[in-house]
N, C-alpha and C. Protein backbone atom coordinates (compact mmCIF):
# COMPACT_ATOMS: atom_id res chain seq x y z
N UNK A 1 -3.71 33.85 7.11
CA UNK A 1 -2.39 33.78 7.47
C UNK A 1 -1.81 35.18 7.45
N UNK A 2 -2.55 36.23 7.19
CA UNK A 2 -1.98 37.61 7.08
C UNK A 2 -1.39 38.05 8.29
N UNK A 3 -1.95 37.55 9.45
CA UNK A 3 -1.39 37.87 10.78
C UNK A 3 -0.03 37.42 11.02
N UNK A 4 0.22 36.29 10.47
CA UNK A 4 1.51 35.58 10.73
C UNK A 4 2.66 36.44 10.21
N UNK A 5 2.43 37.05 9.04
CA UNK A 5 3.70 37.83 8.59
C UNK A 5 3.17 39.25 8.30
N UNK A 6 2.59 39.92 9.35
CA UNK A 6 2.04 41.26 9.18
C UNK A 6 3.12 42.23 9.05
N UNK A 7 4.22 42.00 9.69
CA UNK A 7 5.44 43.01 9.62
C UNK A 7 6.49 42.52 8.72
N UNK A 8 6.39 41.38 8.07
CA UNK A 8 7.47 41.03 7.18
C UNK A 8 6.97 40.39 5.92
N UNK A 9 7.75 40.37 4.94
CA UNK A 9 7.52 39.53 3.80
C UNK A 9 8.55 38.38 3.65
N UNK A 10 8.05 37.06 3.56
CA UNK A 10 8.79 35.94 3.36
C UNK A 10 9.27 35.76 2.00
N UNK A 11 10.56 35.58 1.77
CA UNK A 11 11.26 35.29 0.51
C UNK A 11 11.68 33.82 0.49
N UNK A 12 11.20 32.93 -0.37
CA UNK A 12 11.61 31.67 -0.47
C UNK A 12 12.84 31.53 -1.38
N UNK A 13 14.02 31.27 -0.84
CA UNK A 13 15.20 31.14 -1.67
C UNK A 13 15.43 29.72 -2.18
N UNK A 14 14.45 29.37 -2.98
CA UNK A 14 14.49 27.85 -3.42
C UNK A 14 13.77 27.74 -4.82
N UNK A 15 14.34 26.99 -5.65
CA UNK A 15 13.70 26.64 -6.81
C UNK A 15 12.79 25.42 -6.68
N UNK A 16 12.71 24.87 -5.65
CA UNK A 16 11.91 23.61 -5.42
C UNK A 16 10.44 23.82 -5.63
N UNK A 17 9.77 22.99 -6.63
CA UNK A 17 8.39 23.24 -6.66
C UNK A 17 7.70 22.61 -5.42
N UNK A 18 8.33 21.61 -4.68
CA UNK A 18 7.69 21.07 -3.56
C UNK A 18 7.64 22.06 -2.34
N UNK A 19 8.68 22.80 -2.17
CA UNK A 19 8.72 23.86 -1.18
C UNK A 19 7.67 24.87 -1.39
N UNK A 20 7.56 25.26 -2.66
CA UNK A 20 6.59 26.35 -3.08
C UNK A 20 5.07 25.64 -2.80
N UNK A 21 4.85 24.50 -3.27
CA UNK A 21 3.63 23.83 -2.93
C UNK A 21 3.30 23.74 -1.48
N UNK A 22 4.19 23.44 -0.74
CA UNK A 22 3.99 23.33 0.78
C UNK A 22 3.72 24.52 1.48
N UNK A 23 4.30 25.64 1.15
CA UNK A 23 4.05 26.85 1.59
C UNK A 23 2.77 27.48 1.22
N UNK A 24 2.37 27.22 -0.11
CA UNK A 24 0.99 27.65 -0.63
C UNK A 24 -0.14 26.85 0.17
N UNK A 25 0.08 25.51 0.39
CA UNK A 25 -0.83 24.68 1.00
C UNK A 25 -1.00 25.01 2.40
N UNK A 26 0.02 25.51 3.09
CA UNK A 26 -0.03 25.96 4.48
C UNK A 26 -0.47 27.50 4.58
N UNK A 27 -0.89 28.11 3.55
CA UNK A 27 -1.39 29.43 3.43
C UNK A 27 -0.26 30.48 4.09
N UNK A 28 0.92 30.16 3.90
CA UNK A 28 1.96 31.09 4.27
C UNK A 28 2.37 31.92 3.07
N UNK A 29 2.06 33.24 3.05
CA UNK A 29 2.39 34.02 1.90
C UNK A 29 3.85 34.28 1.68
N UNK A 30 4.37 34.24 0.44
CA UNK A 30 5.80 34.27 0.19
C UNK A 30 5.99 34.77 -1.23
N UNK A 31 7.21 35.05 -1.56
CA UNK A 31 7.69 35.40 -2.86
C UNK A 31 8.90 34.68 -3.12
N UNK A 32 9.11 34.13 -4.45
CA UNK A 32 10.40 33.38 -4.60
C UNK A 32 11.40 34.33 -5.31
N UNK A 33 12.58 34.16 -4.67
CA UNK A 33 13.80 34.91 -5.10
C UNK A 33 14.91 33.95 -5.00
N UNK A 34 15.54 33.45 -5.99
CA UNK A 34 16.56 32.43 -6.00
C UNK A 34 17.85 33.04 -6.57
N UNK A 35 18.94 32.49 -5.96
CA UNK A 35 20.23 32.70 -6.47
C UNK A 35 20.97 31.35 -6.57
N UNK A 36 21.78 31.16 -7.50
CA UNK A 36 22.56 29.89 -7.69
C UNK A 36 23.66 29.90 -6.70
N UNK A 37 23.47 28.88 -5.80
CA UNK A 37 24.43 28.67 -4.73
C UNK A 37 25.03 27.24 -4.81
N UNK A 38 26.43 27.28 -4.91
CA UNK A 38 27.14 25.98 -4.89
C UNK A 38 26.95 25.18 -3.63
N UNK A 39 26.27 23.99 -3.74
CA UNK A 39 26.09 23.31 -2.55
C UNK A 39 27.24 22.42 -2.05
N UNK A 40 28.25 23.21 -1.49
CA UNK A 40 29.56 22.57 -1.06
C UNK A 40 29.55 22.68 0.51
N UNK A 41 29.99 21.61 1.16
CA UNK A 41 30.16 21.74 2.58
C UNK A 41 31.42 21.02 2.95
N UNK A 42 31.90 21.40 4.21
CA UNK A 42 33.23 20.77 4.73
C UNK A 42 33.13 19.34 4.82
N UNK A 43 34.12 18.60 4.45
CA UNK A 43 34.14 17.09 4.66
C UNK A 43 34.06 16.71 5.99
N UNK A 44 34.51 17.55 6.91
CA UNK A 44 34.66 17.32 8.40
C UNK A 44 33.27 17.52 9.05
N UNK A 45 32.34 18.17 8.43
CA UNK A 45 31.03 18.43 9.03
C UNK A 45 30.22 17.11 9.24
N UNK A 46 29.74 16.85 10.51
CA UNK A 46 28.83 15.71 10.68
C UNK A 46 27.67 15.70 9.76
N UNK A 47 27.55 14.43 9.25
CA UNK A 47 26.43 14.28 8.22
C UNK A 47 25.12 14.86 8.64
N UNK A 48 24.68 14.80 9.82
CA UNK A 48 23.36 15.20 10.20
C UNK A 48 23.23 16.75 10.30
N UNK A 49 24.43 17.51 10.12
CA UNK A 49 24.39 18.82 10.06
C UNK A 49 24.51 19.49 8.65
N UNK A 50 24.69 18.57 7.66
CA UNK A 50 24.88 19.07 6.26
C UNK A 50 23.71 19.82 5.72
N UNK A 51 22.56 19.41 5.88
CA UNK A 51 21.36 20.02 5.47
C UNK A 51 21.17 21.42 5.89
N UNK A 52 21.36 21.65 7.28
CA UNK A 52 21.16 22.87 7.94
C UNK A 52 22.28 23.85 7.48
N UNK A 53 23.48 23.36 7.28
CA UNK A 53 24.63 24.20 6.83
C UNK A 53 24.31 24.66 5.41
N UNK A 54 23.87 23.87 4.58
CA UNK A 54 23.42 24.29 3.12
C UNK A 54 22.25 25.27 3.16
N UNK A 55 21.26 25.06 4.05
CA UNK A 55 20.17 26.03 4.20
C UNK A 55 20.69 27.45 4.51
N UNK A 56 21.58 27.47 5.49
CA UNK A 56 22.17 28.76 5.87
C UNK A 56 22.86 29.43 4.77
N UNK A 57 23.64 28.52 3.98
CA UNK A 57 24.35 29.04 2.83
C UNK A 57 23.47 29.72 1.84
N UNK A 58 22.32 29.09 1.57
CA UNK A 58 21.31 29.55 0.59
C UNK A 58 20.73 30.86 1.12
N UNK A 59 20.23 30.92 2.39
CA UNK A 59 19.75 32.17 2.91
C UNK A 59 20.70 33.22 2.85
N UNK A 60 21.98 32.99 3.31
CA UNK A 60 22.93 34.10 3.44
C UNK A 60 23.37 34.66 2.09
N UNK A 61 23.10 33.84 0.94
CA UNK A 61 23.40 34.26 -0.31
C UNK A 61 22.47 35.54 -0.73
N UNK A 62 21.36 35.53 -0.11
CA UNK A 62 20.37 36.62 -0.46
C UNK A 62 20.44 37.83 0.48
N UNK A 63 21.33 37.71 1.55
CA UNK A 63 21.53 38.89 2.40
C UNK A 63 21.80 40.17 1.73
N UNK A 64 22.75 40.37 0.83
CA UNK A 64 23.05 41.60 0.35
C UNK A 64 21.97 42.37 -0.32
N UNK A 65 20.97 41.59 -0.86
CA UNK A 65 19.94 42.25 -1.67
C UNK A 65 18.54 42.32 -0.75
N UNK A 66 18.64 42.06 0.57
CA UNK A 66 17.35 41.86 1.25
C UNK A 66 16.95 43.28 1.82
N UNK A 67 15.72 43.51 1.87
CA UNK A 67 15.04 44.78 2.41
C UNK A 67 14.83 44.57 3.98
N UNK A 68 14.64 45.58 4.59
CA UNK A 68 14.47 45.57 6.08
C UNK A 68 13.33 44.79 6.46
N UNK A 69 12.28 44.69 5.77
CA UNK A 69 11.07 43.93 6.15
C UNK A 69 11.04 42.50 5.72
N UNK A 70 12.03 42.02 5.09
CA UNK A 70 12.09 40.70 4.62
C UNK A 70 12.59 39.56 5.42
N UNK A 71 12.20 38.48 5.35
CA UNK A 71 12.69 37.20 5.98
C UNK A 71 12.97 36.28 4.85
N UNK A 72 14.32 35.77 4.63
CA UNK A 72 14.56 34.87 3.69
C UNK A 72 14.58 33.41 4.28
N UNK A 73 13.89 32.51 3.57
CA UNK A 73 13.85 31.14 4.01
C UNK A 73 14.74 30.35 2.92
N UNK A 74 15.86 29.74 3.52
CA UNK A 74 16.71 28.96 2.76
C UNK A 74 16.34 27.57 3.28
N UNK A 75 16.49 26.46 2.45
CA UNK A 75 16.13 25.08 2.89
C UNK A 75 16.97 24.14 2.00
N UNK A 76 17.25 23.04 2.61
CA UNK A 76 17.97 21.95 1.87
C UNK A 76 17.68 20.64 2.47
N UNK A 77 17.47 19.56 1.58
CA UNK A 77 17.15 18.26 2.20
C UNK A 77 18.08 17.26 1.65
N UNK A 78 18.45 16.27 2.55
CA UNK A 78 19.36 15.22 2.12
C UNK A 78 18.78 13.96 2.70
N UNK A 79 19.31 12.80 2.12
CA UNK A 79 18.75 11.48 2.62
C UNK A 79 20.06 10.80 3.20
N UNK A 80 20.02 10.22 4.35
CA UNK A 80 21.23 9.49 4.89
C UNK A 80 20.76 7.97 5.21
N UNK A 81 21.82 7.19 4.67
CA UNK A 81 21.61 5.76 4.89
C UNK A 81 22.99 5.26 5.18
N UNK A 82 23.16 4.50 6.38
CA UNK A 82 24.47 3.98 6.56
C UNK A 82 25.52 4.90 6.62
N UNK A 83 25.35 6.12 7.16
CA UNK A 83 26.31 7.16 7.20
C UNK A 83 26.80 7.79 5.73
N UNK A 84 25.93 7.44 4.85
CA UNK A 84 26.25 8.08 3.40
C UNK A 84 25.16 9.01 3.07
N UNK A 85 25.52 10.23 2.49
CA UNK A 85 24.45 11.13 2.10
C UNK A 85 24.21 10.91 0.62
N UNK A 86 22.85 10.84 0.36
CA UNK A 86 22.36 10.82 -0.92
C UNK A 86 21.62 12.20 -1.29
N UNK A 87 22.12 12.86 -2.15
CA UNK A 87 21.53 14.11 -2.55
C UNK A 87 20.78 13.87 -3.85
N UNK A 88 20.82 14.79 -4.66
CA UNK A 88 20.08 14.73 -6.00
C UNK A 88 20.93 13.92 -6.89
N UNK A 89 20.38 12.91 -7.59
CA UNK A 89 21.16 12.22 -8.55
C UNK A 89 21.67 13.02 -9.77
N UNK A 90 22.85 12.59 -10.19
CA UNK A 90 23.40 13.33 -11.40
C UNK A 90 22.79 13.01 -12.62
N UNK A 91 22.38 11.83 -12.78
CA UNK A 91 21.73 11.22 -13.97
C UNK A 91 20.91 10.08 -13.71
N UNK A 92 20.29 9.41 -14.78
CA UNK A 92 19.41 8.30 -14.62
C UNK A 92 20.16 7.08 -13.92
N UNK A 93 21.41 6.84 -14.35
CA UNK A 93 22.11 5.74 -13.72
C UNK A 93 22.36 5.98 -12.28
N UNK A 94 22.63 7.18 -11.89
CA UNK A 94 22.84 7.55 -10.46
C UNK A 94 21.60 7.38 -9.76
N UNK A 95 20.49 7.77 -10.29
CA UNK A 95 19.11 7.65 -9.67
C UNK A 95 18.84 6.18 -9.35
N UNK A 96 19.20 5.39 -10.45
CA UNK A 96 18.84 3.90 -10.11
C UNK A 96 19.78 3.33 -9.15
N UNK A 97 21.03 3.76 -9.16
CA UNK A 97 22.01 3.29 -8.01
C UNK A 97 21.57 3.74 -6.61
N UNK A 98 21.04 5.01 -6.49
CA UNK A 98 20.50 5.44 -5.16
C UNK A 98 19.32 4.69 -4.80
N UNK A 99 18.27 4.42 -5.66
CA UNK A 99 17.19 3.70 -5.33
C UNK A 99 17.57 2.17 -4.99
N UNK A 100 18.50 1.64 -5.58
CA UNK A 100 18.87 0.28 -5.21
C UNK A 100 19.50 0.29 -3.82
N UNK A 101 20.20 1.23 -3.47
CA UNK A 101 20.70 1.37 -2.11
C UNK A 101 19.62 1.48 -1.13
N UNK A 102 18.69 2.31 -1.35
CA UNK A 102 17.61 2.54 -0.43
C UNK A 102 16.55 1.45 -0.30
N UNK A 103 16.40 0.59 -1.40
CA UNK A 103 15.40 -0.44 -1.59
C UNK A 103 15.56 -1.39 -0.38
N UNK A 104 14.37 -1.55 0.32
CA UNK A 104 14.35 -2.52 1.48
C UNK A 104 14.91 -2.06 2.74
N UNK A 105 15.12 -0.85 2.93
CA UNK A 105 15.93 -0.30 4.07
C UNK A 105 15.26 0.89 4.54
N UNK A 106 15.72 1.26 5.84
CA UNK A 106 15.07 2.45 6.41
C UNK A 106 16.26 3.51 6.38
N UNK A 107 15.79 4.67 5.92
CA UNK A 107 16.71 5.81 5.82
C UNK A 107 16.21 7.01 6.57
N UNK A 108 17.01 8.01 6.75
CA UNK A 108 16.49 9.32 7.28
C UNK A 108 16.52 10.35 6.24
N UNK A 109 15.48 11.17 6.30
CA UNK A 109 15.40 12.37 5.54
C UNK A 109 15.67 13.57 6.51
N UNK A 110 16.62 14.47 6.17
CA UNK A 110 16.93 15.60 7.04
C UNK A 110 16.72 16.85 6.13
N UNK A 111 15.92 17.74 6.57
CA UNK A 111 15.76 19.00 5.97
C UNK A 111 16.29 20.12 6.96
N UNK A 112 17.18 20.87 6.43
CA UNK A 112 17.62 22.01 7.15
C UNK A 112 16.92 23.18 6.77
N UNK A 113 16.67 24.16 7.48
CA UNK A 113 16.01 25.32 7.29
C UNK A 113 16.71 26.60 8.08
N UNK A 114 16.80 27.61 7.26
CA UNK A 114 17.34 28.89 7.85
C UNK A 114 16.31 30.04 7.61
N UNK A 115 15.91 30.64 8.53
CA UNK A 115 15.18 32.02 8.41
C UNK A 115 16.02 33.09 8.82
N UNK A 116 16.14 34.14 7.87
CA UNK A 116 17.07 35.12 8.16
C UNK A 116 16.44 36.49 7.80
N UNK A 117 16.61 37.46 8.73
CA UNK A 117 16.08 38.77 8.52
C UNK A 117 17.42 39.59 8.82
N UNK A 118 17.21 41.02 8.63
CA UNK A 118 18.30 41.90 8.88
C UNK A 118 18.91 41.80 10.33
N UNK A 119 18.01 41.43 11.21
CA UNK A 119 18.56 41.47 12.71
C UNK A 119 18.39 40.09 13.30
N UNK A 120 18.02 39.14 12.70
CA UNK A 120 17.79 37.82 13.27
C UNK A 120 18.10 36.63 12.35
N UNK A 121 18.72 35.60 12.83
CA UNK A 121 18.91 34.39 12.05
C UNK A 121 18.67 33.14 12.95
N UNK A 122 17.67 32.38 12.53
CA UNK A 122 17.35 31.04 13.12
C UNK A 122 17.53 29.97 12.06
N UNK A 123 18.27 28.80 12.51
CA UNK A 123 18.23 27.72 11.70
C UNK A 123 18.01 26.45 12.49
N UNK A 124 17.53 25.48 11.84
CA UNK A 124 17.10 24.32 12.60
C UNK A 124 17.02 23.02 11.53
N UNK A 125 16.96 21.95 11.99
CA UNK A 125 16.75 20.72 11.09
C UNK A 125 15.57 19.84 11.63
N UNK A 126 15.00 19.22 10.66
CA UNK A 126 13.92 18.21 10.86
C UNK A 126 14.43 16.85 10.44
N UNK A 127 14.19 15.78 11.26
CA UNK A 127 14.55 14.47 10.82
C UNK A 127 13.41 13.54 10.71
N UNK A 128 13.14 12.85 9.68
CA UNK A 128 12.16 11.84 9.61
C UNK A 128 12.81 10.50 9.18
N UNK A 129 12.29 9.50 9.63
CA UNK A 129 12.69 8.07 9.26
C UNK A 129 11.67 7.56 8.19
N UNK A 130 12.19 6.88 7.16
CA UNK A 130 11.31 6.31 6.18
C UNK A 130 11.71 4.96 5.84
N UNK A 131 10.63 4.01 5.89
CA UNK A 131 10.86 2.61 5.55
C UNK A 131 10.39 2.34 4.22
N UNK A 132 11.36 1.96 3.36
CA UNK A 132 11.10 1.73 1.93
C UNK A 132 11.12 0.18 1.75
N UNK A 133 10.11 -0.25 1.13
CA UNK A 133 10.01 -1.68 0.70
C UNK A 133 11.02 -2.05 -0.51
N UNK A 134 11.14 -3.32 -0.56
CA UNK A 134 12.13 -3.75 -1.70
C UNK A 134 11.53 -3.25 -3.09
N UNK A 135 12.49 -2.67 -3.87
CA UNK A 135 12.04 -2.32 -5.26
C UNK A 135 12.79 -3.25 -6.15
N UNK A 136 11.94 -3.88 -7.15
CA UNK A 136 12.54 -4.67 -8.25
C UNK A 136 13.26 -3.70 -9.25
N UNK A 137 14.12 -4.29 -10.01
CA UNK A 137 14.77 -3.51 -11.15
C UNK A 137 13.71 -2.87 -12.06
N UNK A 138 12.66 -3.70 -12.29
CA UNK A 138 11.59 -3.11 -13.26
C UNK A 138 10.97 -1.93 -12.66
N UNK A 139 10.68 -1.97 -11.28
CA UNK A 139 10.09 -0.85 -10.50
C UNK A 139 11.00 0.35 -10.54
N UNK A 140 12.24 0.17 -10.29
CA UNK A 140 13.30 1.24 -10.32
C UNK A 140 13.32 1.90 -11.68
N UNK A 141 13.40 1.10 -12.74
CA UNK A 141 13.52 1.61 -14.13
C UNK A 141 12.13 2.40 -14.50
N UNK A 142 11.00 1.87 -14.09
CA UNK A 142 9.78 2.56 -14.27
C UNK A 142 9.78 3.95 -13.55
N UNK A 143 10.25 3.82 -12.37
CA UNK A 143 10.14 5.13 -11.60
C UNK A 143 11.06 6.22 -12.25
N UNK A 144 12.23 5.81 -12.48
CA UNK A 144 13.26 6.80 -12.99
C UNK A 144 12.75 7.39 -14.39
N UNK A 145 12.28 6.37 -15.22
CA UNK A 145 11.78 6.87 -16.54
C UNK A 145 10.49 7.80 -16.52
N UNK A 146 9.72 7.45 -15.67
CA UNK A 146 8.40 8.12 -15.57
C UNK A 146 8.39 9.38 -14.76
N UNK A 147 9.06 9.40 -13.59
CA UNK A 147 9.04 10.54 -12.79
C UNK A 147 10.30 11.38 -12.83
N UNK A 148 11.31 11.01 -13.51
CA UNK A 148 12.51 11.92 -13.63
C UNK A 148 13.00 12.52 -12.37
N UNK A 149 13.39 11.79 -11.55
CA UNK A 149 13.72 12.19 -10.02
C UNK A 149 15.05 12.95 -9.88
N UNK A 150 15.40 13.62 -10.83
CA UNK A 150 16.78 14.33 -10.85
C UNK A 150 16.99 15.49 -9.89
N UNK A 151 15.91 16.13 -9.58
CA UNK A 151 15.91 17.19 -8.64
C UNK A 151 15.58 16.88 -7.18
N UNK A 152 15.56 15.58 -6.81
CA UNK A 152 15.03 15.08 -5.54
C UNK A 152 16.14 14.38 -4.77
N UNK A 153 16.33 14.76 -3.62
CA UNK A 153 17.36 14.23 -2.71
C UNK A 153 16.95 12.73 -2.53
N UNK A 154 17.82 11.79 -2.66
CA UNK A 154 17.51 10.40 -2.53
C UNK A 154 16.84 9.74 -3.73
N UNK A 155 16.61 10.56 -4.84
CA UNK A 155 16.18 10.07 -6.08
C UNK A 155 14.63 9.78 -6.04
N UNK A 156 13.89 10.16 -5.10
CA UNK A 156 12.42 9.90 -5.07
C UNK A 156 11.70 11.01 -4.35
N UNK A 157 10.37 11.02 -4.70
CA UNK A 157 9.59 12.00 -3.99
C UNK A 157 8.37 11.31 -3.18
N UNK A 158 8.20 11.47 -2.02
CA UNK A 158 7.11 10.85 -1.04
C UNK A 158 5.81 10.90 -1.68
N UNK A 159 5.55 11.99 -2.55
CA UNK A 159 4.16 12.23 -3.06
C UNK A 159 3.99 11.56 -4.32
N UNK A 160 4.98 10.92 -4.84
CA UNK A 160 4.81 10.21 -6.11
C UNK A 160 4.70 8.64 -5.92
N UNK A 161 4.76 7.93 -6.94
CA UNK A 161 4.58 6.47 -7.00
C UNK A 161 5.31 5.68 -5.81
N UNK A 162 6.61 5.99 -5.64
CA UNK A 162 7.36 5.36 -4.57
C UNK A 162 6.76 5.60 -3.28
N UNK A 163 6.46 6.83 -3.04
CA UNK A 163 5.87 7.17 -1.67
C UNK A 163 4.44 6.49 -1.58
N UNK A 164 3.69 6.40 -2.67
CA UNK A 164 2.40 5.82 -2.53
C UNK A 164 2.37 4.43 -2.52
N UNK A 165 3.27 3.70 -3.13
CA UNK A 165 3.25 2.24 -3.31
C UNK A 165 4.32 1.48 -2.51
N UNK A 166 5.47 2.16 -2.27
CA UNK A 166 6.63 1.45 -1.67
C UNK A 166 7.10 1.93 -0.32
N UNK A 167 6.54 3.02 0.20
CA UNK A 167 6.93 3.40 1.57
C UNK A 167 5.90 2.84 2.63
N UNK A 168 6.35 1.95 3.47
CA UNK A 168 5.38 1.30 4.30
C UNK A 168 5.19 1.92 5.68
N UNK A 169 6.16 2.87 6.03
CA UNK A 169 6.05 3.54 7.37
C UNK A 169 7.03 4.73 7.32
N UNK A 170 6.48 5.84 8.05
CA UNK A 170 7.33 7.01 8.25
C UNK A 170 7.22 7.38 9.69
N UNK A 171 8.32 7.95 10.22
CA UNK A 171 8.38 8.54 11.62
C UNK A 171 8.86 9.91 11.41
N UNK A 172 7.99 10.82 11.82
CA UNK A 172 8.34 12.29 11.54
C UNK A 172 7.24 12.85 10.70
N UNK A 173 7.47 14.11 10.18
CA UNK A 173 6.36 14.63 9.38
C UNK A 173 6.45 14.39 7.86
N UNK A 174 5.43 14.24 7.28
CA UNK A 174 5.29 13.96 5.85
C UNK A 174 5.87 15.34 5.08
N UNK A 175 5.51 16.41 5.48
CA UNK A 175 6.07 17.66 4.86
C UNK A 175 7.59 17.82 4.88
N UNK A 176 8.12 17.27 6.01
CA UNK A 176 9.69 17.22 5.96
C UNK A 176 10.21 16.33 4.92
N UNK A 177 9.60 15.18 4.78
CA UNK A 177 10.12 14.25 3.77
C UNK A 177 9.86 14.86 2.38
N UNK A 178 8.83 15.72 2.27
CA UNK A 178 8.56 16.29 0.95
C UNK A 178 9.48 17.41 0.67
N UNK A 179 10.00 18.02 1.60
CA UNK A 179 11.08 19.07 1.40
C UNK A 179 11.11 20.32 2.34
N UNK A 180 10.00 20.29 3.26
CA UNK A 180 10.08 21.51 4.18
C UNK A 180 9.19 21.12 5.47
N UNK A 181 9.78 21.20 6.56
CA UNK A 181 8.99 20.94 7.81
C UNK A 181 8.04 22.13 8.20
N UNK A 182 6.93 22.09 7.51
CA UNK A 182 6.11 23.40 7.46
C UNK A 182 5.65 23.68 9.01
N UNK A 183 5.41 22.70 9.81
CA UNK A 183 4.99 23.04 11.18
C UNK A 183 6.10 23.72 11.91
N UNK A 184 7.32 23.40 11.73
CA UNK A 184 8.45 24.13 12.29
C UNK A 184 8.65 25.50 11.72
N UNK A 185 8.50 25.60 10.48
CA UNK A 185 8.62 26.97 9.82
C UNK A 185 7.55 27.78 10.43
N UNK A 186 6.36 27.35 10.42
CA UNK A 186 5.23 28.17 10.89
C UNK A 186 5.52 28.79 12.32
N UNK A 187 5.97 27.86 13.23
CA UNK A 187 6.32 28.21 14.60
C UNK A 187 7.35 29.22 14.59
N UNK A 188 8.52 29.00 13.83
CA UNK A 188 9.68 29.89 13.85
C UNK A 188 9.28 31.29 13.28
N UNK A 189 8.34 31.29 12.31
CA UNK A 189 7.91 32.63 11.74
C UNK A 189 7.18 33.43 12.67
N UNK A 190 6.36 32.63 13.55
CA UNK A 190 5.59 33.33 14.59
C UNK A 190 6.38 33.98 15.56
N UNK A 191 7.67 33.53 15.81
CA UNK A 191 8.63 34.02 16.71
C UNK A 191 9.26 35.25 16.15
N UNK A 192 9.53 35.29 14.86
CA UNK A 192 9.85 36.54 14.22
C UNK A 192 8.93 37.67 14.41
N UNK A 193 7.63 37.42 14.43
CA UNK A 193 6.74 38.38 14.47
C UNK A 193 6.49 38.87 15.93
N UNK A 194 6.66 37.85 16.87
CA UNK A 194 6.35 38.17 18.24
C UNK A 194 7.50 38.87 18.87
């Protein structure tokens, strides 16, 4: 993958271990540099634009310290069900509440991405649909206690127990549901080099 970023260095502006893992597994070289960014968006923003808005916010936060050869990757994921956004749960009770809402229903996972260099900015979103089977109270309790889903949009991770045992179908890419649409990122990075 050295040819993909022969003229640039990719900076991942995220603390997410899942995004780090996805980039590593895709053999896309990167360095992590994070800033604390308050994830606030306008109430009037359409729900399907929130993740991309937050991704741009995260990438732009790194602009003042970026070098000429760097590309900053900002990303954010949200879960939407019935026009309600479910982000990261505040605590165990909130995680249980979110999982009760998602149980037995189909929801959307939207990941927004922003790639930012000194001369170029590209942002986009990926949407995946996820069919979750019914979760019993015991299963919800087990998941929250065992997997501590407090840093995960929608209070679950597709690569953990819920994804393995309770997701019956997905439409869209697995990597997007995990936190980063790597095929779209790969294509967009190629455009930066070209």
